[in-house]
Amino acid sequence: METILKVRRLSLKQGLSQRAIAKQLQISRHTVSKYLAIETKEPPAYKRTQTHYPKLGEFIPVLKQRLTDETKLPAKQRLTARRHFERLRTEDIKALIVQSPLLLDSSKNNIN
């Protein structure tokens, strides 16, 4: 984002050519022209429509229910992510060890 703003500032306010901007910022002329062609101030970003959990997907409602039930318990009595995995494994459910901060928000002990 910084570079895009620098390129636009050098082009619009200082009136430098694309070649001069590329030389000054040490980037490609093609990159400079691409940055100048961007209409909005926001950089292009990949927007994921939905988070995908292939192996845990069918068990997320079960985990959500357990975690919401655990919020009523004192902090010392709540299960860790590893304990949740052990509990799933003992119930003959094959799942991954939940170590990803994308799935388990440790600060709130809640599923995103």
Foldseek 3Di string as FASTA:
>chain_A
DVLLVVLCCCCPVVVDDLVVSCVVVVHDSVVSVVSVPDDDPDDDDDDDPDDDDPQCVVVLVVQQVLQVVCVVPPPVPDDDQQVVVVVCVVVVRDDDRPPDCQQAVVVSRHGD
